[in-house]
């Protein structure tokens, strides 16, 4: 046991190599001339060769000449700022299978034109799951919704009408049964109405939207009802430019996310907290449902709660239709969130741990019709 008043950490020292080797993600340092200057243990496993062998290669020896990672490295050298890109396919002939990774490239301190690259590998299954977030949520339910509207809602109206007629003719003790029929048909109609939203392919009416005004409106709705027992924390970037979006649909998205957060925290929590944050993230580029090439999605809106977290067995499929851990849930709310955000050219992701679940929405910036970048402040 350490003596009283002495910090245990003072008894140990760690060098940078030990810390880097302890990290699970591959990290390589690239010298100004393109040679690999260093690599951690995870990089040795990822590239299937030892550190000495890696240091005898240039980055171009590991990647094809047209690899997007090489373009990211060049961008960081030219601009001196870090860049993130998600779901990038390294496309190297040295690998037996596709290697899909998230990439962070940053300048090396005190080394002109030196860069450090961190990779986070994604499996093909994970890649497909994330495509479902943006594409499958809308398409997998669209045809079903159209069919349900015609094949289920019409007969239900007849069933409900018959039950109402019976209610006037049956004894009092049987009226509870006719009322049950009416209530259940109403519940099914509401479910079908929610599913019909997936088959709406009309163009979205958009305008310049102040996201902070939307978030404040949603917060007030929550505080007046389902989240009155929860403390809200706002971490806003006052310089955030406007979104090019449909305001009503954004209200629907963030009301759903905040309601989910409140339900996850529960009615009995005494320290429930929801943090709403906005930020401008330079260099965030991803492929989305509406673009074949990576696009810039710098506007980040996060909803964080300190509930118990999403069960691990459903977190990867959270945006798929009919996936829910609520006993009375339909599993359509988050699927509709994914559809709306995807229709706006953005993405929504979830990262969940006990006491920290974050729904992160990344959106494109509004560019006026004259082509100039939007600079309107959304000060709060």
Protein backbone atom coordinates (compact mmCIF):
# COMPACT_ATOMS: atom_id res chain seq x y z
CA UNK A 1 0.00 0.00 0.00
CA UNK A 2 1.30 3.47 -0.85
CA UNK A 3 2.14 5.73 2.09
CA UNK A 4 -0.66 8.10 3.11
CA UNK A 5 -0.50 11.34 1.17
CA UNK A 6 1.68 9.90 -1.64
CA UNK A 7 0.21 9.55 -5.13
CA UNK A 8 0.64 5.97 -6.31
CA UNK A 9 1.21 7.18 -9.90
CA UNK A 10 4.42 8.95 -8.83
CA UNK A 11 6.04 5.55 -8.31
CA UNK A 12 5.80 4.71 -12.01
CA UNK A 13 7.03 6.29 -15.23
CA UNK A 14 5.95 5.49 -18.79
CA UNK A 15 7.57 6.45 -22.05
CA UNK A 16 5.63 7.31 -25.19
CA UNK A 17 6.31 3.94 -26.83
CA UNK A 18 4.74 2.06 -23.93
CA UNK A 19 1.63 4.21 -24.06
CA UNK A 20 1.26 3.86 -27.85
CA UNK A 21 1.75 0.09 -27.71
CA UNK A 22 -0.99 -0.16 -25.11
CA UNK A 23 -3.52 1.36 -27.52
CA UNK A 24 -5.70 -1.14 -29.44
CA UNK A 25 -5.81 0.90 -32.66
CA UNK A 26 -3.02 0.95 -35.29
CA UNK A 27 -0.92 4.13 -35.23
CA UNK A 28 1.89 4.97 -37.66
CA UNK A 29 4.05 8.09 -37.93
CA UNK A 30 5.03 9.27 -41.42
CA UNK A 31 8.18 11.31 -41.96
CA UNK A 32 8.19 14.34 -44.31
CA UNK A 33 9.77 12.22 -47.09
CA UNK A 34 6.97 9.64 -46.89
CA UNK A 35 8.88 6.91 -45.05
CA UNK A 36 7.23 5.21 -42.09
CA UNK A 37 9.06 6.61 -39.06
CA UNK A 38 7.40 4.53 -36.35
CA UNK A 39 4.48 2.21 -35.61
CA UNK A 40 2.83 0.75 -32.54
CA UNK A 41 2.11 -2.90 -31.77
CA UNK A 42 -1.44 -2.71 -33.12
CA UNK A 43 -0.07 -1.47 -36.46
CA UNK A 44 2.24 -4.48 -36.64
CA UNK A 45 -0.77 -6.78 -36.28
CA UNK A 46 -2.87 -4.75 -38.73
CA UNK A 47 -0.26 -4.68 -41.50
CA UNK A 48 0.97 -8.19 -40.65
CA UNK A 49 4.63 -7.21 -40.39
CA UNK A 50 6.97 -6.13 -37.64
CA UNK A 51 7.96 -2.59 -36.76
CA UNK A 52 11.48 -2.89 -38.29
CA UNK A 53 9.95 -4.07 -41.58
CA UNK A 54 7.41 -1.26 -41.58
CA UNK A 55 10.16 1.31 -41.03
CA UNK A 56 11.83 0.12 -44.22
CA UNK A 57 8.78 1.09 -46.27
CA UNK A 58 7.08 4.21 -47.48
CA UNK A 59 3.35 4.65 -46.99
CA UNK A 60 2.97 4.35 -50.77
CA UNK A 61 4.45 0.84 -50.52
CA UNK A 62 1.49 -0.24 -48.36
CA UNK A 63 -1.25 1.45 -50.35
CA UNK A 64 -2.24 1.74 -54.03
CA UNK A 65 -1.32 5.00 -55.73
CA UNK A 66 -4.96 6.16 -55.78
CA UNK A 67 -5.71 5.36 -52.13
CA UNK A 68 -7.85 8.07 -50.49
CA UNK A 69 -5.63 7.80 -47.41
CA UNK A 70 -2.74 9.27 -49.41
CA UNK A 71 -4.95 12.20 -50.36
CA UNK A 72 -5.82 12.76 -46.70
CA UNK A 73 -2.13 12.79 -45.77
CA UNK A 74 -1.44 15.35 -48.51
CA UNK A 75 -4.37 17.47 -47.30
CA UNK A 76 -3.06 17.51 -43.74
CA UNK A 77 0.42 18.50 -44.93
CA UNK A 78 -0.97 21.31 -47.07
CA UNK A 79 -3.33 22.74 -44.46
CA UNK A 80 -1.67 21.80 -41.18
CA UNK A 81 -4.98 20.66 -39.64
CA UNK A 82 -6.26 17.24 -38.55
CA UNK A 83 -8.79 15.37 -40.70
CA UNK A 84 -11.19 12.53 -39.88
CA UNK A 85 -12.78 10.23 -42.42
CA UNK A 86 -15.09 7.34 -41.70
CA UNK A 87 -15.56 4.00 -43.48
CA UNK A 88 -12.59 4.42 -45.77
CA UNK A 89 -11.60 1.35 -47.83
CA UNK A 90 -7.81 1.03 -47.89
CA UNK A 91 -8.11 -1.12 -51.00
CA UNK A 92 -4.62 -2.59 -50.73
CA UNK A 93 -3.51 -5.62 -52.72
CA UNK A 94 -1.48 -6.62 -49.66
CA UNK A 95 -4.68 -7.56 -47.82
CA UNK A 96 -6.70 -10.68 -48.55
CA UNK A 97 -9.99 -8.91 -47.87
CA UNK A 98 -11.42 -5.41 -47.83
CA UNK A 99 -10.07 -3.37 -44.94
CA UNK A 100 -12.62 -0.75 -43.98
CA UNK A 101 -11.38 1.77 -41.43
CA UNK A 102 -12.10 5.05 -39.73
CA UNK A 103 -9.08 7.31 -40.16
CA UNK A 104 -7.65 10.18 -38.13
CA UNK A 105 -4.70 12.03 -39.70
CA UNK A 106 -2.98 14.85 -37.81
CA UNK A 107 0.22 16.87 -38.14
CA UNK A 108 3.18 15.70 -36.06
CA UNK A 109 4.20 18.33 -33.51
CA UNK A 110 7.63 19.84 -34.13
CA UNK A 111 8.10 17.86 -37.40
CA UNK A 112 7.33 19.92 -40.48
CA UNK A 113 5.15 17.94 -42.93
CA UNK A 114 5.29 14.89 -40.65
CA UNK A 115 1.93 13.26 -39.92
CA UNK A 116 0.51 10.64 -37.60
CA UNK A 117 -2.19 8.24 -38.78
CA UNK A 118 -4.59 6.38 -36.50
CA UNK A 119 -6.79 3.65 -37.97
CA UNK A 120 -9.88 2.05 -36.46
CA UNK A 121 -10.78 -1.08 -38.35
CA UNK A 122 -14.35 -1.95 -39.26
CA UNK A 123 -15.49 -5.35 -40.42
CA UNK A 124 -17.59 -5.81 -43.53
CA UNK A 125 -20.53 -6.76 -41.32
CA UNK A 126 -20.17 -3.46 -39.50
CA UNK A 127 -20.01 -1.63 -42.82
CA UNK A 128 -23.27 -3.25 -43.90
CA UNK A 129 -24.92 -2.49 -40.57
CA UNK A 130 -24.08 1.18 -40.94
CA UNK A 131 -25.39 1.23 -44.50
CA UNK A 132 -28.68 0.00 -43.05
CA UNK A 133 -28.70 3.09 -40.85
CA UNK A 134 -28.93 5.35 -43.88
CA UNK A 135 -30.42 3.21 -46.63
CA UNK A 136 -32.21 0.18 -45.24
CA UNK A 137 -34.30 2.05 -42.68
CA UNK A 138 -36.25 3.77 -45.43
CA UNK A 139 -36.25 1.10 -48.14
CA UNK A 140 -36.95 -2.00 -46.07
CA UNK A 141 -40.22 -0.54 -44.75
CA UNK A 142 -41.35 1.61 -47.65
CA UNK A 143 -43.14 -1.04 -49.71
CA UNK A 144 -44.54 -2.68 -46.58
CA UNK A 145 -45.95 0.64 -45.39
CA UNK A 146 -47.76 1.25 -48.67
CA UNK A 147 -49.25 -2.22 -48.58
CA UNK A 148 -50.36 -1.86 -44.97
CA UNK A 149 -52.09 1.42 -45.65
CA UNK A 150 -54.36 -0.20 -48.20
CA UNK A 151 -54.67 -3.79 -46.99
CA UNK A 152 -55.01 -3.16 -43.25
CA UNK A 153 -56.41 0.32 -42.61
CA UNK A 154 -59.49 -0.14 -44.79
CA UNK A 155 -60.65 -3.41 -43.15
CA UNK A 156 -59.87 -1.95 -39.73
CA UNK A 157 -62.28 0.92 -40.31
CA UNK A 158 -64.99 -1.62 -41.06
CA UNK A 159 -64.18 -3.63 -37.95
CA UNK A 160 -64.28 -0.52 -35.79
CA UNK A 161 -67.61 0.58 -37.28
CA UNK A 162 -69.13 -2.84 -36.64
CA UNK A 163 -67.88 -2.78 -33.03
CA UNK A 164 -69.50 0.63 -32.49
CA UNK A 165 -72.81 -0.67 -33.81
CA UNK A 166 -72.60 -3.73 -31.56
CA UNK A 167 -71.90 -1.52 -28.57
CA UNK A 168 -75.41 -0.09 -28.76
CA UNK A 169 -77.04 -3.52 -28.86
CA UNK A 170 -75.09 -5.66 -26.36
CA UNK A 171 -75.64 -5.84 -22.59
CA UNK A 172 -73.62 -3.53 -20.37
CA UNK A 173 -71.30 -6.33 -19.24
CA UNK A 174 -70.25 -6.98 -22.85
CA UNK A 175 -69.57 -3.37 -23.80
CA UNK A 176 -66.06 -3.62 -22.41
CA UNK A 177 -65.32 -6.13 -25.19
CA UNK A 178 -66.58 -3.85 -27.96
CA UNK A 179 -64.60 -0.96 -26.45
CA UNK A 180 -61.52 -3.23 -26.46
CA UNK A 181 -62.04 -3.89 -30.18
CA UNK A 182 -62.24 -0.14 -30.90
CA UNK A 183 -59.18 0.65 -28.80
CA UNK A 184 -57.06 -2.04 -30.43
CA UNK A 185 -58.07 -1.09 -33.96
CA UNK A 186 -57.18 2.54 -33.14
CA UNK A 187 -53.78 1.39 -31.89
CA UNK A 188 -53.09 -0.55 -35.09
CA UNK A 189 -54.13 2.40 -37.25
CA UNK A 190 -51.69 4.65 -35.38
CA UNK A 191 -48.91 2.13 -35.97
CA UNK A 192 -49.67 1.99 -39.69
CA UNK A 193 -49.79 5.79 -39.83
CA UNK A 194 -46.26 5.90 -38.42
CA UNK A 195 -45.07 3.36 -40.97
CA UNK A 196 -46.58 5.37 -43.82
CA UNK A 197 -43.96 8.04 -43.16
CA UNK A 198 -41.37 5.69 -44.68
CA UNK A 199 -43.16 5.61 -48.03
CA UNK A 200 -43.31 9.40 -48.36
CA UNK A 201 -40.88 10.15 -51.20
CA UNK A 202 -41.94 13.72 -51.86
CA UNK A 203 -39.12 16.30 -52.04
CA UNK A 204 -38.34 17.87 -48.69
CA UNK A 205 -39.24 21.54 -48.29
CA UNK A 206 -36.09 23.09 -46.85
CA UNK A 207 -34.91 26.44 -45.64
CA UNK A 208 -32.12 27.89 -43.55
CA UNK A 209 -32.75 26.61 -40.02
CA UNK A 210 -31.24 27.76 -36.73
CA UNK A 211 -30.54 24.43 -35.03
CA UNK A 212 -30.28 26.04 -31.59
CA UNK A 213 -33.83 27.37 -31.91
CA UNK A 214 -34.98 23.84 -32.79
CA UNK A 215 -33.14 22.32 -29.83
CA UNK A 216 -34.50 24.93 -27.40
CA UNK A 217 -38.03 24.24 -28.64
CA UNK A 218 -37.59 20.49 -28.20
CA UNK A 219 -36.07 20.96 -24.73
CA UNK A 220 -39.05 23.05 -23.61
CA UNK A 221 -41.44 20.35 -24.84
CA UNK A 222 -39.53 17.75 -22.85
CA UNK A 223 -39.36 19.86 -19.69
CA UNK A 224 -43.12 20.40 -19.86
CA UNK A 225 -43.83 16.67 -20.04
CA UNK A 226 -41.82 13.47 -20.28
CA UNK A 227 -38.50 14.96 -19.09
CA UNK A 228 -39.67 17.26 -16.29
CA UNK A 229 -37.62 15.27 -13.75
CA UNK A 230 -34.37 15.49 -15.76
CA UNK A 231 -31.66 18.15 -15.70
CA UNK A 232 -30.66 19.54 -19.09
CA UNK A 233 -27.15 20.73 -19.89
CA UNK A 234 -26.52 22.81 -23.01
CA UNK A 235 -23.09 22.99 -24.62
CA UNK A 236 -23.63 25.08 -27.72
CA UNK A 237 -21.19 26.47 -30.26
CA UNK A 238 -22.59 29.99 -30.76
CA UNK A 239 -20.81 30.40 -34.11
CA UNK A 240 -22.47 27.37 -35.69
CA UNK A 241 -23.88 28.25 -39.13
CA UNK A 242 -27.45 27.35 -40.11
CA UNK A 243 -28.63 24.02 -41.51
CA UNK A 244 -30.41 23.63 -44.83
CA UNK A 245 -33.27 21.53 -43.57
CA UNK A 246 -36.96 21.11 -42.87
CA UNK A 247 -37.57 22.57 -39.43
CA UNK A 248 -40.58 20.39 -38.57
CA UNK A 249 -38.69 17.23 -39.45
CA UNK A 250 -35.72 18.30 -37.32
CA UNK A 251 -38.09 18.89 -34.41
CA UNK A 252 -39.42 15.36 -34.94
CA UNK A 253 -35.88 13.92 -34.98
CA UNK A 254 -34.57 15.60 -31.85
CA UNK A 255 -37.82 15.23 -29.94
CA UNK A 256 -37.55 11.50 -30.59
CA UNK A 257 -33.91 11.38 -29.48
CA UNK A 258 -34.54 13.37 -26.30
CA UNK A 259 -37.63 11.32 -25.48
CA UNK A 260 -35.60 8.13 -25.91
CA UNK A 261 -32.92 9.55 -23.62
CA UNK A 262 -35.50 10.44 -20.96
CA UNK A 263 -37.09 6.98 -21.15
CA UNK A 264 -33.65 5.35 -20.86
CA UNK A 265 -32.91 7.35 -17.71
CA UNK A 266 -36.28 6.36 -16.23
CA UNK A 267 -38.83 8.10 -14.06
CA UNK A 268 -37.19 7.07 -10.79
CA UNK A 269 -33.71 8.46 -11.45
CA UNK A 270 -32.64 11.21 -9.05
CA UNK A 271 -29.58 12.31 -11.03
CA UNK A 272 -30.90 12.06 -14.59
CA UNK A 273 -29.09 14.34 -17.01
CA UNK A 274 -29.38 15.01 -20.73
CA UNK A 275 -26.68 17.04 -22.43
CA UNK A 276 -27.43 18.72 -25.75
CA UNK A 277 -24.33 19.89 -27.58
CA UNK A 278 -23.43 21.39 -30.93
CA UNK A 279 -20.04 21.79 -32.55
CA UNK A 280 -18.35 22.53 -35.84
CA UNK A 281 -15.99 19.67 -36.75
CA UNK A 282 -13.44 20.59 -39.39
CA UNK A 283 -12.37 17.77 -41.65
CA UNK A 284 -15.25 15.34 -41.03
CA UNK A 285 -16.02 13.71 -44.39
CA UNK A 286 -18.20 10.65 -45.00
CA UNK A 287 -20.10 8.83 -47.69
CA UNK A 288 -23.84 9.30 -47.28
CA UNK A 289 -26.97 7.95 -48.87
CA UNK A 290 -27.28 10.98 -51.14
CA UNK A 291 -23.67 11.05 -52.37
CA UNK A 292 -21.32 8.57 -54.03
CA UNK A 293 -18.19 10.42 -52.88
CA UNK A 294 -17.32 11.57 -49.35
CA UNK A 295 -18.93 14.88 -48.45
CA UNK A 296 -18.22 17.35 -45.70
CA UNK A 297 -20.49 17.00 -42.67
CA UNK A 298 -19.10 19.56 -40.26
CA UNK A 299 -22.22 20.30 -38.20
CA UNK A 300 -22.43 17.99 -35.18
CA UNK A 301 -25.40 17.76 -32.81
CA UNK A 302 -25.18 15.33 -29.90
CA UNK A 303 -27.76 14.10 -27.40
CA UNK A 304 -26.08 12.46 -24.39
CA UNK A 305 -27.79 10.79 -21.45
CA UNK A 306 -26.51 9.11 -18.29
CA UNK A 307 -28.91 6.19 -18.41
CA UNK A 308 -27.92 2.51 -18.25
CA UNK A 309 -26.99 2.33 -21.93
CA UNK A 310 -28.27 0.35 -24.92
CA UNK A 311 -28.03 -3.46 -24.64
CA UNK A 312 -24.97 -4.66 -26.60
CA UNK A 313 -27.02 -7.17 -28.62
CA UNK A 314 -29.09 -4.44 -30.31
CA UNK A 315 -26.80 -1.41 -30.41
CA UNK A 316 -25.43 -2.31 -33.87
CA UNK A 317 -28.98 -2.62 -35.27
CA UNK A 318 -30.57 0.22 -33.33
CA UNK A 319 -31.69 2.11 -36.45
CA UNK A 320 -33.23 -0.92 -38.16
CA UNK A 321 -37.04 -1.05 -38.22
CA UNK A 322 -38.76 -2.97 -35.40
CA UNK A 323 -35.60 -3.13 -33.25
CA UNK A 324 -36.35 -1.97 -29.70
CA UNK A 325 -35.76 -2.90 -26.07
CA UNK A 326 -38.96 -1.20 -24.87
CA UNK A 327 -41.79 -3.49 -23.86
CA UNK A 328 -44.35 -1.16 -25.45
CA UNK A 329 -42.17 0.21 -28.26
CA UNK A 330 -42.68 -0.32 -31.99
CA UNK A 331 -39.05 0.02 -33.03
CA UNK A 332 -39.92 2.61 -35.69
CA UNK A 333 -38.86 5.85 -34.00
CA UNK A 334 -35.11 5.57 -34.57
CA UNK A 335 -35.60 4.06 -38.02
CA UNK A 336 -37.58 7.16 -38.95
CA UNK A 337 -34.86 9.36 -37.42
CA UNK A 338 -32.31 7.64 -39.67
CA UNK A 339 -34.53 8.14 -42.73
CA UNK A 340 -35.08 11.85 -42.08
CA UNK A 341 -31.41 12.56 -41.42
CA UNK A 342 -30.41 10.48 -44.45
CA UNK A 343 -32.87 12.41 -46.63
CA UNK A 344 -31.12 15.60 -45.48
CA UNK A 345 -27.74 14.26 -46.59
CA UNK A 346 -26.51 13.55 -43.06
CA UNK A 347 -25.92 10.56 -40.82
CA UNK A 348 -26.85 9.56 -37.27
CA UNK A 349 -24.79 7.24 -35.09
CA UNK A 350 -25.01 5.87 -31.58
CA UNK A 351 -22.23 5.17 -29.10
CA UNK A 352 -23.43 3.56 -25.89
CA UNK A 353 -21.80 2.69 -22.58
CA UNK A 354 -23.29 2.47 -19.09
CA UNK A 355 -23.97 6.01 -17.85
CA UNK A 356 -23.04 7.49 -21.22
CA UNK A 357 -25.08 7.04 -24.38
CA UNK A 358 -24.53 9.52 -27.21
CA UNK A 359 -26.60 9.94 -30.35
CA UNK A 360 -24.48 11.94 -32.80
CA UNK A 361 -26.04 13.64 -35.83
CA UNK A 362 -23.68 14.96 -38.52
CA UNK A 363 -25.17 17.33 -41.07
CA UNK A 364 -23.98 19.34 -44.10
CA UNK A 365 -23.74 23.12 -43.88
CA UNK A 366 -26.24 25.36 -45.63
CA UNK A 367 -24.72 26.99 -48.72
CA UNK A 368 -26.75 29.91 -50.17
CA UNK A 369 -27.78 29.78 -53.82
CA UNK A 370 -25.05 32.26 -54.78
CA UNK A 371 -22.46 29.68 -53.70
CA UNK A 372 -20.99 31.57 -50.76
CA UNK A 373 -20.43 29.71 -47.51
CA UNK A 374 -22.99 30.38 -44.84
CA UNK A 375 -21.68 32.55 -42.06
CA UNK A 376 -24.86 33.36 -40.18
CA UNK A 377 -24.32 32.86 -36.46
CA UNK A 378 -26.67 30.72 -34.43
CA UNK A 379 -25.77 32.36 -31.17
CA UNK A 380 -27.66 31.11 -28.15
